[in-house]
PDB file of N, CA and C in Angstrom:
ATOM      1  N   UNK A   1     -66.757-196.896  45.641  1.00  0.00           N
ATOM      2  CA  UNK A   1     -65.859-196.913  46.519  1.00  0.00           C
ATOM      3  C   UNK A   1     -66.269-198.023  47.621  1.00  0.00           C
ATOM      4  N   UNK A   2     -67.485-198.069  47.883  1.00  0.00           N
ATOM      5  CA  UNK A   2     -67.546-199.180  49.158  1.00  0.00           C
ATOM      6  C   UNK A   2     -68.621-200.293  48.460  1.00  0.00           C
ATOM      7  N   UNK A   3     -68.762-200.233  47.153  1.00  0.00           N
ATOM      8  CA  UNK A   3     -69.417-201.294  46.472  1.00  0.00           C
ATOM      9  C   UNK A   3     -70.802-201.533  47.151  1.00  0.00           C
ATOM     10  N   UNK A   4     -71.202-200.382  47.678  1.00  0.00           N
ATOM     11  CA  UNK A   4     -72.947-200.978  48.181  1.00  0.00           C
ATOM     12  C   UNK A   4     -73.975-199.860  47.316  1.00  0.00           C
ATOM     13  N   UNK A   5     -74.948-200.352  47.428  1.00  0.00           N
ATOM     14  CA  UNK A   5     -76.360-199.614  46.646  1.00  0.00           C
ATOM     15  C   UNK A   5     -76.240-198.536  47.303  1.00  0.00           C
ATOM     16  N   UNK A   6     -77.000-197.294  46.648  1.00  0.00           N
ATOM     17  CA  UNK A   6     -77.465-196.106  47.168  1.00  0.00           C
ATOM     18  C   UNK A   6     -78.459-196.140  48.592  1.00  0.00           C
ATOM     19  N   UNK A   7     -79.497-197.076  48.481  1.00  0.00           N
ATOM     20  CA  UNK A   7     -80.443-197.383  49.958  1.00  0.00           C
ATOM     21  C   UNK A   7     -79.495-197.849  50.830  1.00  0.00           C
ATOM     22  N   UNK A   8     -78.577-198.638  50.983  1.00  0.00           N
ATOM     23  CA  UNK A   8     -77.645-199.119  52.042  1.00  0.00           C
ATOM     24  C   UNK A   8     -76.750-198.133  52.640  1.00  0.00           C
ATOM     25  N   UNK A   9     -76.122-197.204  51.444  1.00  0.00           N
ATOM     26  CA  UNK A   9     -75.553-196.238  52.080  1.00  0.00           C
ATOM     27  C   UNK A   9     -76.440-195.305  52.978  1.00  0.00           C
ATOM     28  N   UNK A  10     -77.464-194.992  52.416  1.00  0.00           N
ATOM     29  CA  UNK A  10     -78.236-193.776  53.128  1.00  0.00           C
ATOM     30  C   UNK A  10     -78.678-194.674  54.388  1.00  0.00           C
ATOM     31  N   UNK A  11     -78.880-196.060  54.798  1.00  0.00           N
ATOM     32  CA  UNK A  11     -79.143-196.739  55.815  1.00  0.00           C
ATOM     33  C   UNK A  11     -78.110-196.525  56.913  1.00  0.00           C
ATOM     34  N   UNK A  12     -76.620-196.742  56.115  1.00  0.00           N
ATOM     35  CA  UNK A  12     -75.080-196.580  57.029  1.00  0.00           C
ATOM     36  C   UNK A  12     -75.342-195.147  57.612  1.00  0.00           C
ATOM     37  N   UNK A  13     -75.622-194.273  56.782  1.00  0.00           N
ATOM     38  CA  UNK A  13     -75.648-192.879  57.196  1.00  0.00           C
ATOM     39  C   UNK A  13     -76.608-192.507  58.217  1.00  0.00           C
ATOM     40  N   UNK A  14     -77.803-192.821  58.102  1.00  0.00           N
ATOM     41  CA  UNK A  14     -78.895-192.641  59.057  1.00  0.00           C
ATOM     42  C   UNK A  14     -78.691-193.575  60.243  1.00  0.00           C
ATOM     43  N   UNK A  15     -78.024-194.603  60.322  1.00  0.00           N
ATOM     44  CA  UNK A  15     -77.740-195.505  61.501  1.00  0.00           C
ATOM     45  C   UNK A  15     -76.548-195.076  62.415  1.00  0.00           C
ATOM     46  N   UNK A  16     -75.927-194.270  61.643  1.00  0.00           N
ATOM     47  CA  UNK A  16     -74.353-193.238  62.424  1.00  0.00           C
ATOM     48  C   UNK A  16     -73.281-194.143  62.012  1.00  0.00           C
ATOM     49  N   UNK A  17     -73.306-195.275  61.348  1.00  0.00           N
ATOM     50  CA  UNK A  17     -72.253-196.360  61.018  1.00  0.00           C
ATOM     51  C   UNK A  17     -71.230-195.327  60.016  1.00  0.00           C
ATOM     52  N   UNK A  18     -71.768-194.400  59.257  1.00  0.00           N
ATOM     53  CA  UNK A  18     -70.969-193.607  58.609  1.00  0.00           C
ATOM     54  C   UNK A  18     -71.111-191.994  58.852  1.00  0.00           C
ATOM     55  N   UNK A  19     -70.082-191.161  59.424  1.00  0.00           N
ATOM     56  CA  UNK A  19     -70.424-189.773  59.759  1.00  0.00           C
ATOM     57  C   UNK A  19     -70.830-189.048  58.436  1.00  0.00           C
ATOM     58  N   UNK A  20     -71.389-187.995  58.867  1.00  0.00           N
ATOM     59  CA  UNK A  20     -71.901-187.219  57.377  1.00  0.00           C
ATOM     60  C   UNK A  20     -72.409-186.002  57.869  1.00  0.00           C
ATOM     61  N   UNK A  21     -72.645-184.818  57.364  1.00  0.00           N
ATOM     62  CA  UNK A  21     -73.171-183.534  57.588  1.00  0.00           C
ATOM     63  C   UNK A  21     -74.152-183.275  56.354  1.00  0.00           C
ATOM     64  N   UNK A  22     -75.061-182.169  56.555  1.00  0.00           N
ATOM     65  CA  UNK A  22     -75.918-182.026  55.690  1.00  0.00           C
ATOM     66  C   UNK A  22     -75.581-180.368  55.180  1.00  0.00           C
ATOM     67  N   UNK A  23     -75.762-180.021  53.925  1.00  0.00           N
ATOM     68  CA  UNK A  23     -75.708-179.014  53.282  1.00  0.00           C
ATOM     69  C   UNK A  23     -77.075-178.595  52.600  1.00  0.00           C
ATOM     70  N   UNK A  24     -77.807-178.106  53.209  1.00  0.00           N
ATOM     71  CA  UNK A  24     -79.005-178.017  52.401  1.00  0.00           C
ATOM     72  C   UNK A  24     -79.696-179.525  52.667  1.00  0.00           C
ATOM     73  N   UNK A  25     -80.257-180.155  51.410  1.00  0.00           N
ATOM     74  CA  UNK A  25     -80.941-181.286  51.381  1.00  0.00           C
ATOM     75  C   UNK A  25     -80.012-182.280  51.230  1.00  0.00           C
ATOM     76  N   UNK A  26     -78.707-182.103  51.019  1.00  0.00           N
ATOM     77  CA  UNK A  26     -77.493-182.885  50.609  1.00  0.00           C
ATOM     78  C   UNK A  26     -76.957-183.262  51.663  1.00  0.00           C
ATOM     79  N   UNK A  27     -76.538-184.559  51.467  1.00  0.00           N
ATOM     80  CA  UNK A  27     -75.601-185.382  52.755  1.00  0.00           C
ATOM     81  C   UNK A  27     -74.178-185.290  52.141  1.00  0.00           C
ATOM     82  N   UNK A  28     -73.179-184.808  53.061  1.00  0.00           N
ATOM     83  CA  UNK A  28     -71.936-184.553  52.525  1.00  0.00           C
ATOM     84  C   UNK A  28     -71.134-185.730  53.487  1.00  0.00           C
ATOM     85  N   UNK A  29     -70.280-186.435  52.992  1.00  0.00           N
ATOM     86  CA  UNK A  29     -69.355-187.559  53.385  1.00  0.00           C
ATOM     87  C   UNK A  29     -67.843-187.132  53.357  1.00  0.00           C
ATOM     88  N   UNK A  30     -67.123-187.240  54.335  1.00  0.00           N
ATOM     89  CA  UNK A  30     -65.599-186.708  54.004  1.00  0.00           C
ATOM     90  C   UNK A  30     -65.092-188.133  53.482  1.00  0.00           C
ATOM     91  N   UNK A  31     -64.131-187.917  52.695  1.00  0.00           N
ATOM     92  CA  UNK A  31     -63.294-189.234  51.959  1.00  0.00           C
ATOM     93  C   UNK A  31     -62.890-189.958  52.898  1.00  0.00           C
ATOM     94  N   UNK A  32     -62.076-188.742  53.742  1.00  0.00           N
ATOM     95  CA  UNK A  32     -61.254-190.197  55.005  1.00  0.00           C
ATOM     96  C   UNK A  32     -62.411-190.873  55.826  1.00  0.00           C
ATOM     97  N   UNK A  33     -63.526-190.417  56.131  1.00  0.00           N
ATOM     98  CA  UNK A  33     -64.562-191.119  56.844  1.00  0.00           C
ATOM     99  C   UNK A  33     -65.094-192.466  55.866  1.00  0.00           C
ATOM    100  N   UNK A  34     -64.888-192.316  54.633  1.00  0.00           N
ATOM    101  CA  UNK A  34     -65.289-193.474  53.829  1.00  0.00           C
ATOM    102  C   UNK A  34     -64.258-194.539  53.828  1.00  0.00           C
ATOM    103  N   UNK A  35     -62.761-193.812  53.432  1.00  0.00           N
ATOM    104  CA  UNK A  35     -61.786-194.727  53.776  1.00  0.00           C
ATOM    105  C   UNK A  35     -61.711-195.506  55.082  1.00  0.00           C
ATOM    106  N   UNK A  36     -61.659-194.850  55.955  1.00  0.00           N
ATOM    107  CA  UNK A  36     -61.856-195.595  57.527  1.00  0.00           C
ATOM    108  C   UNK A  36     -62.901-196.638  57.373  1.00  0.00           C
ATOM    109  N   UNK A  37     -64.206-196.268  57.065  1.00  0.00           N
ATOM    110  CA  UNK A  37     -64.907-196.969  57.038  1.00  0.00           C
ATOM    111  C   UNK A  37     -64.827-198.464  56.100  1.00  0.00           C
ATOM    112  N   UNK A  38     -64.195-198.230  55.115  1.00  0.00           N
ATOM    113  CA  UNK A  38     -64.007-199.473  54.461  1.00  0.00           C
ATOM    114  C   UNK A  38     -62.756-200.218  54.821  1.00  0.00           C
ATOM    115  N   UNK A  39     -61.777-199.385  55.591  1.00  0.00           N
ATOM    116  CA  UNK A  39     -60.661-200.413  55.986  1.00  0.00           C
ATOM    117  C   UNK A  39     -61.176-200.953  57.192  1.00  0.00           C
ATOM    118  N   UNK A  40     -62.400-200.629  58.078  1.00  0.00           N
ATOM    119  CA  UNK A  40     -62.659-201.329  58.872  1.00  0.00           C
ATOM    120  C   UNK A  40     -63.671-202.420  58.714  1.00  0.00           C
ATOM    121  N   UNK A  41     -64.192-202.089  57.667  1.00  0.00           N
ATOM    122  CA  UNK A  41     -65.218-203.700  57.033  1.00  0.00           C
ATOM    123  C   UNK A  41     -64.202-204.620  56.832  1.00  0.00           C
ATOM    124  N   UNK A  42     -62.764-204.182  56.271  1.00  0.00           N
ATOM    125  CA  UNK A  42     -61.828-205.253  55.560  1.00  0.00           C
ATOM    126  C   UNK A  42     -61.389-205.810  56.739  1.00  0.00           C
ATOM    127  N   UNK A  43     -61.213-205.208  57.829  1.00  0.00           N
ATOM    128  CA  UNK A  43     -60.412-205.555  59.053  1.00  0.00           C
ATOM    129  C   UNK A  43     -61.377-206.576  59.713  1.00  0.00           C
ATOM    130  N   UNK A  44     -62.648-206.344  59.918  1.00  0.00           N
ATOM    131  CA  UNK A  44     -63.815-207.104  60.355  1.00  0.00           C
ATOM    132  C   UNK A  44     -64.002-208.454  59.700  1.00  0.00           C
ATOM    133  N   UNK A  45     -63.823-208.016  58.104  1.00  0.00           N
ATOM    134  CA  UNK A  45     -64.137-209.612  57.385  1.00  0.00           C
ATOM    135  C   UNK A  45     -62.636-210.468  57.689  1.00  0.00           C
ATOM    136  N   UNK A  46     -61.628-210.014  57.586  1.00  0.00           N
ATOM    137  CA  UNK A  46     -60.349-210.587  57.742  1.00  0.00           C
ATOM    138  C   UNK A  46     -60.334-211.403  59.349  1.00  0.00           C
ATOM    139  N   UNK A  47     -60.999-210.644  60.297  1.00  0.00           N
ATOM    140  CA  UNK A  47     -61.313-211.261  61.559  1.00  0.00           C
ATOM    141  C   UNK A  47     -62.015-212.485  61.625  1.00  0.00           C
ATOM    142  N   UNK A  48     -63.309-212.278  60.685  1.00  0.00           N
ATOM    143  CA  UNK A  48     -64.072-213.375  61.096  1.00  0.00           C
ATOM    144  C   UNK A  48     -63.734-214.560  59.708  1.00  0.00           C
ATOM    145  N   UNK A  49     -62.754-214.506  58.935  1.00  0.00           N
ATOM    146  CA  UNK A  49     -62.432-215.458  58.351  1.00  0.00           C
ATOM    147  C   UNK A  49     -61.238-216.402  59.038  1.00  0.00           C
ATOM    148  N   UNK A  50     -60.466-215.390  59.873  1.00  0.00           N
ATOM    149  CA  UNK A  50     -59.394-215.857  60.564  1.00  0.00           C
ATOM    150  C   UNK A  50     -60.080-217.010  61.796  1.00  0.00           C
ATOM    151  N   UNK A  51     -61.159-216.579  62.227  1.00  0.00           N
ATOM    152  CA  UNK A  51     -61.911-217.392  63.191  1.00  0.00           C
ATOM    153  C   UNK A  51     -62.615-218.385  62.665  1.00  0.00           C
ATOM    154  N   UNK A  52     -63.158-218.400  61.304  1.00  0.00           N
ATOM    155  CA  UNK A  52     -63.661-219.386  60.803  1.00  0.00           C
ATOM    156  C   UNK A  52     -62.554-220.586  60.359  1.00  0.00           C
ATOM    157  N   UNK A  53     -61.241-220.209  59.978  1.00  0.00           N
ATOM    158  CA  UNK A  53     -60.267-220.862  59.729  1.00  0.00           C
ATOM    159  C   UNK A  53     -60.065-221.837  60.887  1.00  0.00           C
ATOM    160  N   UNK A  54     -60.054-221.028  61.999  1.00  0.00           N
ATOM    161  CA  UNK A  54     -59.467-221.603  63.664  1.00  0.00           C
ATOM    162  C   UNK A  54     -60.539-222.669  63.694  1.00  0.00           C
ATOM    163  N   UNK A  55     -61.768-222.484  63.560  1.00  0.00           N
ATOM    164  CA  UNK A  55     -62.685-223.272  63.736  1.00  0.00           C
ATOM    165  C   UNK A  55     -62.604-224.625  62.943  1.00  0.00           C
ATOM    166  N   UNK A  56     -62.332-224.030  61.844  1.00  0.00           N
ATOM    167  CA  UNK A  56     -62.378-225.212  60.694  1.00  0.00           C
ATOM    168  C   UNK A  56     -61.373-226.233  61.336  1.00  0.00           C
ATOM    169  N   UNK A  57     -59.944-225.801  61.688  1.00  0.00           N
ATOM    170  CA  UNK A  57     -59.133-226.543  62.214  1.00  0.00           C
ATOM    171  C   UNK A  57     -59.389-227.537  63.452  1.00  0.00           C
ATOM    172  N   UNK A  58     -60.172-226.692  64.099  1.00  0.00           N
ATOM    173  CA  UNK A  58     -60.302-227.357  65.554  1.00  0.00           C
ATOM    174  C   UNK A  58     -61.131-228.456  65.100  1.00  0.00           C
ATOM    175  N   UNK A  59     -62.303-228.438  64.333  1.00  0.00           N
ATOM    176  CA  UNK A  59     -63.174-229.383  63.830  1.00  0.00           C
ATOM    177  C   UNK A  59     -62.303-230.556  62.951  1.00  0.00           C
ATOM    178  N   UNK A  60     -61.285-230.293  62.484  1.00  0.00           N
ATOM    179  CA  UNK A  60     -61.037-230.823  61.419  1.00  0.00           C
ATOM    180  C   UNK A  60     -61.304-231.125  59.973  1.00  0.00           C
ATOM    181  N   UNK A  61     -61.641-230.052  59.446  1.00  0.00           N
ATOM    182  CA  UNK A  61     -62.505-230.141  58.298  1.00  0.00           C
ATOM    183  C   UNK A  61     -61.773-229.474  57.315  1.00  0.00           C
ATOM    184  N   UNK A  62     -60.543-229.189  57.672  1.00  0.00           N
ATOM    185  CA  UNK A  62     -59.444-228.468  56.645  1.00  0.00           C
ATOM    186  C   UNK A  62     -59.285-229.511  55.498  1.00  0.00           C
ATOM    187  N   UNK A  63     -58.789-229.042  54.543  1.00  0.00           N
ATOM    188  CA  UNK A  63     -57.983-229.929  53.173  1.00  0.00           C
ATOM    189  C   UNK A  63     -56.923-230.424  53.600  1.00  0.00           C
ATOM    190  N   UNK A  64     -56.353-231.649  53.476  1.00  0.00           N
ATOM    191  CA  UNK A  64     -55.016-232.192  53.603  1.00  0.00           C
ATOM    192  C   UNK A  64     -54.399-232.382  52.146  1.00  0.00           C
TER     193      UNK A  64
END
């Protein structure tokens, strides 16, 4: 769903970027939290692309 490796997912959980709770020795993640995190990543990527596009136009590096 997130297209990340297991170690990356564990790091996201341990850093508090993705909420979870424990049941025994297992980490449980709510599906809605995964979707919200995915949507946040997507929005951040679009924001960065917009900023790069704006910078590209300011510098006159765009294709004509």
